[in-house]
Structures are given as structure tokens and as C-alpha cells.
Amino acid sequence: MPDQPAPGPGPVPARTPEPAPAPVPVDRLRFALPPVHTDPAEERAYRKERLAGALRLFGRLGYEDGVAGHITVRDPGFADCHWVNPFGQALSALRADDLLLVDGDGRVRRGAHRVNELAFSVHAAVHRARPDAVAVVHAHAPYGRALAALGELLAPISEEACAFYEDHALLDGFAGPQDAARIARALGPYKALVLRNRGMLTVGDSVDAAAWWFIAAERAAQVQLIARAAGKPAAIDHRAALAARERFGSDLAAWVSYQPLWQTVAP
């Protein structure tokens, strides 16, 4: 008698679904916000730590070109003094203890190295013209320099670029470090400046915000150049661009956007 096939498994009984977990109260969910300091010494240490981290990040991103590239942050206690990276030191290896405290006349008040006085003079002029600018960034990144060579503003062709819509300017003419006052005037009240034939400069109410604006501007310039090479980019209309800027264009939004990058360089 032929072998009979083994009986198959019986029907699987229906499983009663588990009840979903209760919603976590919103006040128990973590959401990072900029810290508030009441002690100038604590604020100074915090700003120096964030500055050193931003400089390391810029080195990693390839925004370093020889001795070019600086980020400054206003000291919270000493008048007309700012922390900056030392001249000729690799960005990717900088720590808070390596930073220089430099006054508005370019004199080193704390630190063991020289400062790039010409480059620093631009930052000092911007800080003086913009009391709200806690941090100033200028580096020689490739796409920003390419856009600057074309003498173009960032076009509102992506949601991210709209953060700069009607909130950045073009200095349409070459201006070197000796033109510090002219650069500060050209920036005006905006968050970013395209320096013809030189690249981008950004400001913010924190190191994190100013660094994010520079990174975002560099990425927007990259998208703009790629889109132009492929065809004719379609611009976002005025009303939608303004609405996008309202959502993504504040220094607080920039601070929040920067936090994932900070986590990669935090000490």
C-alpha cells in the first residue's frame, strides 16, 4: 500500500491583537533647545566647545583650503573680544583649548598662536556692525565659491534654499580682507552674504546657527549649480518661498537642524 502523505499542520488559531501602548505624554519626549546660561564663565566654555566642534566639522567637510577659513564667536563677557581658530592650524584637530581670544583690533589676548589678522578683521567688522551676530563664518567651500564666481544669489529652487529667500545679499565686486567695513555694510541685516569671487559668509545668534547657515548655503549652491547644468530650474513662487522661510529660516530652526552634525563631532 503506497505511503500516505503526512497530514499538514492544522489551521493556526487567530491571535488576539495586543492593545497598542498608551501615547507618551508630550512633556516626557526629549527635544533639544539652546541652553541658557547666567554665568559668563559657563557661557564662555560652552561657546568655545561649540566653536571647536564646528571647526572640526568644517575640516571634515572639506571647507578648509590652506590657512583660509574662520569661525568667530563673541565672548559673553569681554567687550569687543572674540574667540577664533589659530593661524595655520588644521581645523579637523582643533580643541577648545587651542582657540584664541582676539580683540577687535586683532590683538591676541589669550592663546599661544598667531591670528590671521586680515581675515579676522572682516569678522570683527561684522561683529561690530551686527550686535546680534554672536558667530560669523567664512570658509572657502567649493560650491559657494563657484556661485560667487558667477555673481549669483541663491535661487529659491528648493525648500532648503528658501531659508535664504530675501534674507541674503550679494557683494557684486571683489572685496578682499582689506575691505572689511565694505563687507560688513554689504551684509546689512541678512543672515548670509555672497562675496563675489570669494564665497559665502554667514552669521547667527549662536555658533550652531551660523555654522548651519554656511553648510545649508553651500548645499543650496551645489543644488543650484547641478540643476542649472541639467536644464532650467523652476523657481518656487514668492508666497510659497516666504512661507518656507518662515518655517525654516530662523536661527532657532538652524540650531535644531545642526544638532545631528554636532553629535558627530561632540567631544
Protein backbone atom coordinates (compact mmCIF):
# COMPACT_ATOMS: atom_id res chain seq x y z
CA MET A 1 0.00 0.00 0.00
CA PRO A 2 1.56 3.35 -1.01
CA ASP A 3 2.76 5.68 1.71
CA GLN A 4 0.21 8.25 2.69
CA PRO A 5 1.35 11.90 2.87
CA ALA A 6 1.80 13.20 6.36
CA PRO A 7 -1.08 15.36 7.42
CA GLY A 8 -0.32 19.09 7.11
CA PRO A 9 -0.45 21.46 10.03
CA GLY A 10 -3.82 22.40 11.20
CA PRO A 11 -5.24 25.90 10.96
CA VAL A 12 -3.39 28.49 13.03
CA PRO A 13 -5.73 29.97 15.60
CA ALA A 14 -6.33 33.67 15.21
CA ARG A 15 -4.20 35.72 17.57
CA THR A 16 -5.87 38.42 19.54
CA PRO A 17 -4.04 41.68 18.77
CA GLU A 18 -2.31 43.28 21.72
CA PRO A 19 -3.54 46.67 22.78
CA ALA A 20 -1.27 49.47 21.50
CA PRO A 21 0.88 51.19 24.13
CA ALA A 22 -0.55 54.37 25.57
CA PRO A 23 0.74 57.59 23.98
CA VAL A 24 3.80 59.03 25.68
CA PRO A 25 2.94 62.44 27.15
CA VAL A 26 4.48 65.20 25.07
CA ASP A 27 6.18 66.72 28.11
CA ARG A 28 8.16 63.47 28.53
CA LEU A 29 9.56 63.49 24.98
CA ARG A 30 13.04 64.89 24.54
CA PHE A 31 13.55 67.90 22.31
CA ALA A 32 16.84 69.77 22.38
CA LEU A 33 16.78 73.56 22.69
CA PRO A 34 19.66 76.02 23.06
CA PRO A 35 20.78 76.21 26.69
CA VAL A 36 20.51 79.44 28.66
CA HIS A 37 23.48 80.44 30.80
CA THR A 38 23.54 83.02 33.57
CA ASP A 39 27.24 82.70 34.35
CA PRO A 40 29.59 84.26 31.73
CA ALA A 41 32.27 81.67 32.51
CA GLU A 42 29.86 78.81 31.75
CA GLU A 43 28.67 80.56 28.60
CA ARG A 44 32.29 81.11 27.51
CA ALA A 45 33.15 77.43 27.96
CA TYR A 46 30.02 76.42 26.07
CA ARG A 47 30.71 78.75 23.14
CA LYS A 48 34.33 77.63 22.89
CA GLU A 49 33.31 73.98 22.88
CA ARG A 50 30.75 74.57 20.12
CA LEU A 51 33.24 76.63 18.11
CA ALA A 52 35.91 73.94 18.28
CA GLY A 53 33.35 71.32 17.23
CA ALA A 54 32.17 73.41 14.27
CA LEU A 55 35.76 73.90 13.12
CA ARG A 56 36.42 70.15 13.29
CA LEU A 57 33.26 69.57 11.28
CA PHE A 58 34.31 72.08 8.62
CA GLY A 59 37.65 70.30 8.32
CA ARG A 60 35.83 67.00 7.85
CA LEU A 61 33.53 68.52 5.22
CA GLY A 62 36.46 69.83 3.19
CA TYR A 63 35.81 73.53 3.83
CA GLU A 64 39.48 74.08 4.66
CA ASP A 65 41.75 75.50 1.96
CA GLY A 66 45.26 76.07 3.26
CA VAL A 67 45.07 78.67 6.01
CA ALA A 68 41.72 80.03 4.79
CA GLY A 69 38.52 79.51 6.74
CA HIS A 70 37.49 81.05 10.04
CA ILE A 71 34.66 80.95 12.52
CA THR A 72 34.43 83.53 15.28
CA VAL A 73 32.20 83.69 18.33
CA ARG A 74 31.65 86.72 20.51
CA ASP A 75 32.90 86.39 24.08
CA PRO A 76 29.98 86.71 26.51
CA GLY A 77 31.87 88.91 28.97
CA PHE A 78 34.86 90.68 27.42
CA ALA A 79 33.83 93.69 25.33
CA ASP A 80 34.84 93.63 21.64
CA CYS A 81 36.63 90.29 22.03
CA HIS A 82 36.02 87.10 20.06
CA TRP A 83 37.25 83.51 20.00
CA VAL A 84 38.71 82.25 16.73
CA ASN A 85 40.81 79.41 15.32
CA PRO A 86 44.58 80.00 15.31
CA PHE A 87 46.51 80.74 12.13
CA GLY A 88 47.89 77.74 10.28
CA GLN A 89 46.34 75.06 12.50
CA ALA A 90 44.37 72.18 10.95
CA LEU A 91 40.66 72.60 11.60
CA SER A 92 39.99 68.90 11.98
CA ALA A 93 42.20 68.62 15.08
CA LEU A 94 41.21 71.76 16.97
CA ARG A 95 40.05 71.68 20.58
CA ALA A 96 38.62 74.40 22.79
CA ASP A 97 42.00 74.95 24.46
CA ASP A 98 43.56 75.76 21.06
CA LEU A 99 41.29 78.75 20.40
CA LEU A 100 42.48 82.34 20.56
CA LEU A 101 40.77 85.27 22.26
CA VAL A 102 41.32 88.26 19.99
CA ASP A 103 40.16 91.84 20.44
CA GLY A 104 38.58 93.94 17.72
CA ASP A 105 41.98 95.37 16.76
CA GLY A 106 43.38 91.90 16.06
CA ARG A 107 45.48 91.58 19.22
CA VAL A 108 45.64 88.14 20.85
CA ARG A 109 44.53 88.38 24.48
CA ARG A 110 44.60 84.65 25.26
CA GLY A 111 46.25 81.83 23.37
CA ALA A 112 49.61 80.57 22.17
CA HIS A 113 49.46 81.14 18.42
CA ARG A 114 49.17 83.96 15.93
CA VAL A 115 45.88 85.01 14.38
CA ASN A 116 45.25 85.69 10.70
CA GLU A 117 44.82 89.42 11.25
CA LEU A 118 43.47 90.27 7.78
CA ALA A 119 40.85 87.53 7.84
CA PHE A 120 39.92 88.32 11.42
CA SER A 121 39.39 91.99 10.57
CA VAL A 122 36.40 91.04 8.41
CA HIS A 123 34.82 89.11 11.26
CA ALA A 124 35.50 91.93 13.73
CA ALA A 125 33.84 94.43 11.39
CA VAL A 126 30.77 92.21 11.03
CA HIS A 127 30.52 91.68 14.79
CA ARG A 128 30.69 95.42 15.37
CA ALA A 129 28.09 96.19 12.71
CA ARG A 130 25.79 93.39 13.89
CA PRO A 131 25.49 93.20 17.69
CA ASP A 132 23.02 90.34 17.18
CA ALA A 133 25.64 88.24 15.38
CA VAL A 134 27.12 86.01 18.06
CA ALA A 135 29.02 83.98 15.46
CA VAL A 136 30.42 84.72 11.99
CA VAL A 137 31.52 82.08 9.47
CA HIS A 138 33.58 82.42 6.31
CA ALA A 139 35.27 79.48 4.60
CA HIS A 140 36.38 78.61 1.09
CA ALA A 141 33.97 75.81 0.20
CA PRO A 142 33.78 74.80 -3.48
CA TYR A 143 30.15 75.33 -4.46
CA GLY A 144 29.81 78.65 -2.68
CA ARG A 145 32.92 79.87 -4.46
CA ALA A 146 31.58 78.67 -7.79
CA LEU A 147 28.30 80.50 -7.26
CA ALA A 148 30.20 83.59 -6.14
CA ALA A 149 32.27 83.46 -9.33
CA LEU A 150 29.00 83.67 -11.27
CA GLY A 151 27.88 86.59 -9.12
CA GLU A 152 24.56 84.96 -8.29
CA LEU A 153 22.31 84.82 -5.27
CA LEU A 154 20.84 81.55 -4.01
CA ALA A 155 17.72 80.92 -6.07
CA PRO A 156 14.53 79.60 -4.38
CA ILE A 157 14.56 76.34 -6.33
CA SER A 158 14.40 74.03 -3.31
CA GLU A 159 12.67 74.15 0.04
CA GLU A 160 16.02 74.35 1.82
CA ALA A 161 17.20 77.28 -0.30
CA CYS A 162 14.09 79.22 0.67
CA ALA A 163 15.61 79.73 4.13
CA PHE A 164 17.74 82.38 2.40
CA TYR A 165 14.94 83.88 0.30
CA GLU A 166 15.19 87.67 0.52
CA ASP A 167 17.49 87.15 3.51
CA HIS A 168 20.92 87.24 1.91
CA ALA A 169 22.85 89.70 -0.21
CA LEU A 170 25.44 89.82 -2.98
CA LEU A 171 28.54 91.97 -2.83
CA ASP A 172 28.87 92.38 -6.59
CA GLY A 173 32.55 93.17 -6.86
CA PHE A 174 35.68 91.60 -5.47
CA ALA A 175 36.36 92.58 -1.86
CA GLY A 176 39.39 91.29 0.00
CA PRO A 177 40.07 91.27 3.73
CA GLN A 178 41.26 94.86 3.47
CA ASP A 179 37.64 95.79 2.62
CA ALA A 180 36.26 94.66 5.99
CA ALA A 181 33.94 97.63 6.51
CA ARG A 182 32.56 97.30 2.97
CA ILE A 183 31.81 93.62 3.55
CA ALA A 184 30.01 94.38 6.82
CA ARG A 185 27.88 97.03 5.09
CA ALA A 186 27.02 94.67 2.24
CA LEU A 187 25.80 92.02 4.68
CA GLY A 188 23.37 94.51 6.20
CA PRO A 189 20.63 92.83 8.27
CA TYR A 190 20.81 89.49 6.47
CA LYS A 191 21.97 86.02 7.56
CA ALA A 192 24.29 85.43 4.60
CA LEU A 193 26.41 87.26 2.04
CA VAL A 194 27.72 86.06 -1.32
CA LEU A 195 31.17 87.61 -1.74
CA ARG A 196 31.87 87.96 -5.46
CA ASN A 197 34.79 85.68 -6.44
CA ARG A 198 35.36 84.66 -2.80
CA GLY A 199 32.48 82.58 -1.46
CA MET A 200 29.97 82.77 1.37
CA LEU A 201 29.78 84.45 4.75
CA THR A 202 27.06 83.66 7.30
CA VAL A 203 26.06 84.90 10.75
CA GLY A 204 23.85 83.60 13.55
CA ASP A 205 22.87 84.09 17.16
CA SER A 206 24.94 81.01 18.06
CA VAL A 207 27.86 79.06 16.63
CA ASP A 208 25.45 76.28 15.72
CA ALA A 209 23.14 78.58 13.76
CA ALA A 210 25.91 80.37 11.88
CA ALA A 211 27.62 77.07 11.03
CA TRP A 212 24.34 75.55 9.84
CA TRP A 213 23.61 78.54 7.61
CA PHE A 214 27.01 78.16 5.97
CA ILE A 215 26.52 74.44 5.41
CA ALA A 216 22.96 74.99 4.14
CA ALA A 217 24.11 77.76 1.79
CA GLU A 218 26.90 75.56 0.43
CA ARG A 219 24.45 72.71 -0.20
CA ALA A 220 21.92 75.07 -1.81
CA ALA A 221 24.66 76.39 -4.09
CA GLN A 222 25.55 72.82 -5.04
CA VAL A 223 21.93 72.01 -5.94
CA GLN A 224 21.61 75.23 -7.91
CA LEU A 225 24.71 74.55 -9.99
CA ILE A 226 23.69 70.94 -10.65
CA ALA A 227 20.17 71.99 -11.66
CA ARG A 228 21.47 74.70 -13.97
CA ALA A 229 23.85 72.26 -15.62
CA ALA A 230 20.96 69.85 -16.28
CA GLY A 231 18.38 72.36 -17.51
CA LYS A 232 16.34 75.35 -16.44
CA PRO A 233 15.39 75.15 -12.75
CA ALA A 234 11.83 76.09 -11.80
CA ALA A 235 11.68 78.64 -9.01
CA ILE A 236 9.29 78.41 -6.07
CA ASP A 237 6.80 81.27 -6.19
CA HIS A 238 7.15 84.29 -3.93
CA ARG A 239 4.40 83.43 -1.44
CA ALA A 240 5.49 79.82 -1.01
CA ALA A 241 9.15 80.84 -0.70
CA LEU A 242 8.29 83.29 2.08
CA ALA A 243 6.22 80.65 3.87
CA ALA A 244 9.13 78.19 3.69
CA ARG A 245 11.48 80.84 5.05
CA GLU A 246 9.14 81.42 7.98
CA ARG A 247 9.30 77.69 8.81
CA PHE A 248 13.00 77.03 8.25
CA GLY A 249 14.72 80.42 8.24
CA SER A 250 15.06 81.29 11.93
CA ASP A 251 18.25 80.90 13.94
CA LEU A 252 16.36 78.52 16.23
CA ALA A 253 15.47 76.30 13.27
CA ALA A 254 19.13 76.42 12.22
CA TRP A 255 20.28 75.44 15.72
CA VAL A 256 17.93 72.46 15.74
CA SER A 257 18.97 71.40 12.23
CA TYR A 258 22.63 71.49 13.22
CA GLN A 259 22.32 69.11 16.18
CA PRO A 260 22.73 65.82 14.24
CA LEU A 261 26.00 67.19 12.82
CA TRP A 262 27.13 68.35 16.27
CA GLN A 263 26.63 64.82 17.57
CA THR A 264 29.28 63.59 15.11
CA VAL A 265 31.97 65.95 16.44
CA ALA A 266 30.98 66.45 20.08
CA PRO A 267 33.86 65.76 22.49
